[in-house]
Amino acid sequence: MLHIRDKTQESLKTDAMKKTFPINDPKNAPTRVIEAIKSELRKYVKRERKKNLPEGVDFWDFDCKVGETANHALPLHVAEINSALDHALADEWTSVYFEILAKPGVRTYKTKESSSAQ
């Protein structure tokens, strides 16, 4: 029998997108392939952000990894996806690996510091 806590943890689990995209395509130029990859990744992130939020969660956050292969993937912020793809194009990678995992995020508010200008 699952406890309430186990049920909420189970409902927060999401599937990760783990995919290797080939950059060298005989039919298309590498710049066109990179633009297609950017488009597919934007669509995925947008689709994940539209999912219903669990109770107590403010937004969907993402853990991302990128590399030439899965073994060489490094973590990056979701906003750095386009620059990572541009880097892959500049370094002439043959393929690029992406891993994007949606996770629940809760906003943290900064406290305002009182400024005394006396």
C-alpha atoms as a PDB file:
ATOM      1  CA  MET A   1       0.000   0.000   0.000  1.00  0.00           C
ATOM      2  CA  LEU A   2       1.358   3.414  -0.965  1.00  0.00           C
ATOM      3  CA  HIS A   3       1.402   6.265   1.495  1.00  0.00           C
ATOM      4  CA  ILE A   4       0.193   9.728   0.498  1.00  0.00           C
ATOM      5  CA  ARG A   5       3.777  10.961   0.194  1.00  0.00           C
ATOM      6  CA  ASP A   6       4.636   8.061  -2.135  1.00  0.00           C
ATOM      7  CA  LYS A   7       1.638   8.859  -4.325  1.00  0.00           C
ATOM      8  CA  THR A   8       2.663  12.495  -4.719  1.00  0.00           C
ATOM      9  CA  GLN A   9       6.251  11.525  -5.531  1.00  0.00           C
ATOM     10  CA  GLU A  10       4.954   9.021  -8.073  1.00  0.00           C
ATOM     11  CA  SER A  11       2.805  11.688  -9.743  1.00  0.00           C
ATOM     12  CA  LEU A  12       5.772  14.090 -10.009  1.00  0.00           C
ATOM     13  CA  LYS A  13       7.879  11.678 -12.051  1.00  0.00           C
ATOM     14  CA  THR A  14       8.057  12.527 -15.733  1.00  0.00           C
ATOM     15  CA  ASP A  15       9.777  10.927 -18.666  1.00  0.00           C
ATOM     16  CA  ALA A  16      12.978  12.483 -19.900  1.00  0.00           C
ATOM     17  CA  MET A  17      13.719  13.219 -23.515  1.00  0.00           C
ATOM     18  CA  LYS A  18      16.999  11.500 -24.361  1.00  0.00           C
ATOM     19  CA  LYS A  19      17.885  11.810 -27.991  1.00  0.00           C
ATOM     20  CA  THR A  20      20.902  11.912 -30.285  1.00  0.00           C
ATOM     21  CA  PHE A  21      20.491  14.116 -33.329  1.00  0.00           C
ATOM     22  CA  PRO A  22      22.755  13.564 -36.364  1.00  0.00           C
ATOM     23  CA  ILE A  23      24.054  16.866 -37.721  1.00  0.00           C
ATOM     24  CA  ASN A  24      25.543  15.598 -40.977  1.00  0.00           C
ATOM     25  CA  ASP A  25      22.653  14.928 -43.327  1.00  0.00           C
ATOM     26  CA  PRO A  26      23.303  14.364 -47.048  1.00  0.00           C
ATOM     27  CA  LYS A  27      20.026  16.087 -47.996  1.00  0.00           C
ATOM     28  CA  ASN A  28      20.354  19.238 -45.834  1.00  0.00           C
ATOM     29  CA  ALA A  29      23.069  21.681 -44.878  1.00  0.00           C
ATOM     30  CA  PRO A  30      24.226  21.475 -41.244  1.00  0.00           C
ATOM     31  CA  THR A  31      22.818  24.943 -40.472  1.00  0.00           C
ATOM     32  CA  ARG A  32      19.359  23.803 -41.590  1.00  0.00           C
ATOM     33  CA  VAL A  33      19.661  20.640 -39.483  1.00  0.00           C
ATOM     34  CA  ILE A  34      20.635  22.713 -36.425  1.00  0.00           C
ATOM     35  CA  GLU A  35      17.604  24.973 -36.938  1.00  0.00           C
ATOM     36  CA  ALA A  36      15.348  21.896 -37.160  1.00  0.00           C
ATOM     37  CA  ILE A  37      16.830  20.530 -33.915  1.00  0.00           C
ATOM     38  CA  LYS A  38      16.287  23.888 -32.178  1.00  0.00           C
ATOM     39  CA  SER A  39      12.688  23.877 -33.333  1.00  0.00           C
ATOM     40  CA  GLU A  40      12.063  20.340 -32.074  1.00  0.00           C
ATOM     41  CA  LEU A  41      13.583  21.117 -28.665  1.00  0.00           C
ATOM     42  CA  ARG A  42      11.546  24.333 -28.321  1.00  0.00           C
ATOM     43  CA  LYS A  43       8.376  22.396 -29.128  1.00  0.00           C
ATOM     44  CA  TYR A  44       9.225  19.755 -26.518  1.00  0.00           C
ATOM     45  CA  VAL A  45       9.872  22.326 -23.775  1.00  0.00           C
ATOM     46  CA  LYS A  46       6.694  24.217 -24.677  1.00  0.00           C
ATOM     47  CA  ARG A  47       4.658  20.993 -24.592  1.00  0.00           C
ATOM     48  CA  GLU A  48       6.083  20.038 -21.180  1.00  0.00           C
ATOM     49  CA  ARG A  49       5.349  23.507 -19.756  1.00  0.00           C
ATOM     50  CA  LYS A  50       1.678  23.180 -20.770  1.00  0.00           C
ATOM     51  CA  LYS A  51       1.157  20.109 -18.572  1.00  0.00           C
ATOM     52  CA  ASN A  52      -0.904  20.566 -15.423  1.00  0.00           C
ATOM     53  CA  LEU A  53       1.092  21.501 -12.349  1.00  0.00           C
ATOM     54  CA  PRO A  54       0.837  19.357  -9.222  1.00  0.00           C
ATOM     55  CA  GLU A  55      -0.363  20.991  -6.017  1.00  0.00           C
ATOM     56  CA  GLY A  56       2.283  23.175  -4.380  1.00  0.00           C
ATOM     57  CA  VAL A  57       4.324  23.606  -7.565  1.00  0.00           C
ATOM     58  CA  ASP A  58       4.769  26.995  -9.256  1.00  0.00           C
ATOM     59  CA  PHE A  59       6.316  26.050 -12.600  1.00  0.00           C
ATOM     60  CA  TRP A  60       8.028  23.299 -14.568  1.00  0.00           C
ATOM     61  CA  ASP A  61      11.808  23.454 -14.349  1.00  0.00           C
ATOM     62  CA  PHE A  62      14.184  21.488 -16.563  1.00  0.00           C
ATOM     63  CA  ASP A  63      17.421  19.587 -16.036  1.00  0.00           C
ATOM     64  CA  CYS A  64      19.295  19.564 -19.331  1.00  0.00           C
ATOM     65  CA  LYS A  65      22.454  17.869 -20.553  1.00  0.00           C
ATOM     66  CA  VAL A  66      24.172  18.249 -23.906  1.00  0.00           C
ATOM     67  CA  GLY A  67      27.229  16.691 -25.494  1.00  0.00           C
ATOM     68  CA  GLU A  68      28.582  15.053 -28.583  1.00  0.00           C
ATOM     69  CA  THR A  69      27.649  11.684 -27.049  1.00  0.00           C
ATOM     70  CA  ALA A  70      25.708  10.590 -23.965  1.00  0.00           C
ATOM     71  CA  ASN A  71      28.973   9.831 -22.148  1.00  0.00           C
ATOM     72  CA  HIS A  72      30.326  13.354 -22.743  1.00  0.00           C
ATOM     73  CA  ALA A  73      27.100  15.247 -21.924  1.00  0.00           C
ATOM     74  CA  LEU A  74      27.443  18.231 -19.604  1.00  0.00           C
ATOM     75  CA  PRO A  75      24.644  19.968 -17.656  1.00  0.00           C
ATOM     76  CA  LEU A  76      23.327  23.308 -18.885  1.00  0.00           C
ATOM     77  CA  HIS A  77      20.388  25.640 -18.315  1.00  0.00           C
ATOM     78  CA  VAL A  78      17.374  25.338 -20.630  1.00  0.00           C
ATOM     79  CA  ALA A  79      17.995  28.909 -21.862  1.00  0.00           C
ATOM     80  CA  GLU A  80      21.444  27.869 -23.156  1.00  0.00           C
ATOM     81  CA  ILE A  81      20.149  25.220 -25.585  1.00  0.00           C
ATOM     82  CA  ASN A  82      20.470  27.417 -28.679  1.00  0.00           C
ATOM     83  CA  SER A  83      23.999  28.533 -27.836  1.00  0.00           C
ATOM     84  CA  ALA A  84      24.997  24.903 -27.212  1.00  0.00           C
ATOM     85  CA  LEU A  85      23.730  23.944 -30.653  1.00  0.00           C
ATOM     86  CA  ASP A  86      25.603  26.855 -32.224  1.00  0.00           C
ATOM     87  CA  HIS A  87      28.728  25.643 -30.430  1.00  0.00           C
ATOM     88  CA  ALA A  88      28.183  22.120 -31.803  1.00  0.00           C
ATOM     89  CA  LEU A  89      27.912  23.546 -35.329  1.00  0.00           C
ATOM     90  CA  ALA A  90      31.062  25.668 -34.908  1.00  0.00           C
ATOM     91  CA  ASP A  91      33.057  22.689 -33.594  1.00  0.00           C
ATOM     92  CA  GLU A  92      31.738  20.518 -36.472  1.00  0.00           C
ATOM     93  CA  TRP A  93      30.270  17.731 -34.346  1.00  0.00           C
ATOM     94  CA  THR A  94      28.811  14.826 -36.297  1.00  0.00           C
ATOM     95  CA  SER A  95      25.942  14.444 -33.818  1.00  0.00           C
ATOM     96  CA  VAL A  96      24.605  16.083 -30.683  1.00  0.00           C
ATOM     97  CA  TYR A  97      23.034  14.377 -27.645  1.00  0.00           C
ATOM     98  CA  PHE A  98      20.317  16.085 -25.605  1.00  0.00           C
ATOM     99  CA  GLU A  99      18.712  15.008 -22.357  1.00  0.00           C
ATOM    100  CA  ILE A 100      15.867  17.136 -20.997  1.00  0.00           C
ATOM    101  CA  LEU A 101      14.061  16.183 -17.800  1.00  0.00           C
ATOM    102  CA  ALA A 102      11.051  18.167 -16.573  1.00  0.00           C
ATOM    103  CA  LYS A 103      10.893  18.620 -12.816  1.00  0.00           C
ATOM    104  CA  PRO A 104       8.584  20.617 -10.533  1.00  0.00           C
ATOM    105  CA  GLY A 105       9.881  24.004  -9.437  1.00  0.00           C
ATOM    106  CA  VAL A 106       8.905  26.242  -6.549  1.00  0.00           C
ATOM    107  CA  ARG A 107       9.638  29.964  -6.605  1.00  0.00           C
ATOM    108  CA  THR A 108      11.853  31.400  -3.930  1.00  0.00           C
ATOM    109  CA  TYR A 109      11.400  35.041  -3.143  1.00  0.00           C
ATOM    110  CA  LYS A 110      14.249  37.333  -2.191  1.00  0.00           C
ATOM    111  CA  THR A 111      13.735  39.547   0.806  1.00  0.00           C
ATOM    112  CA  LYS A 112      13.976  43.266   0.137  1.00  0.00           C
ATOM    113  CA  GLU A 113      16.793  44.952   1.942  1.00  0.00           C
ATOM    114  CA  SER A 114      16.000  48.337   3.392  1.00  0.00           C
ATOM    115  CA  SER A 115      18.270  51.003   2.012  1.00  0.00           C
ATOM    116  CA  SER A 116      19.018  53.901   4.291  1.00  0.00           C
ATOM    117  CA  ALA A 117      20.405  56.812   2.294  1.00  0.00           C
ATOM    118  CA  GLN A 118      21.082  59.075   5.235  1.00  0.00           C
END
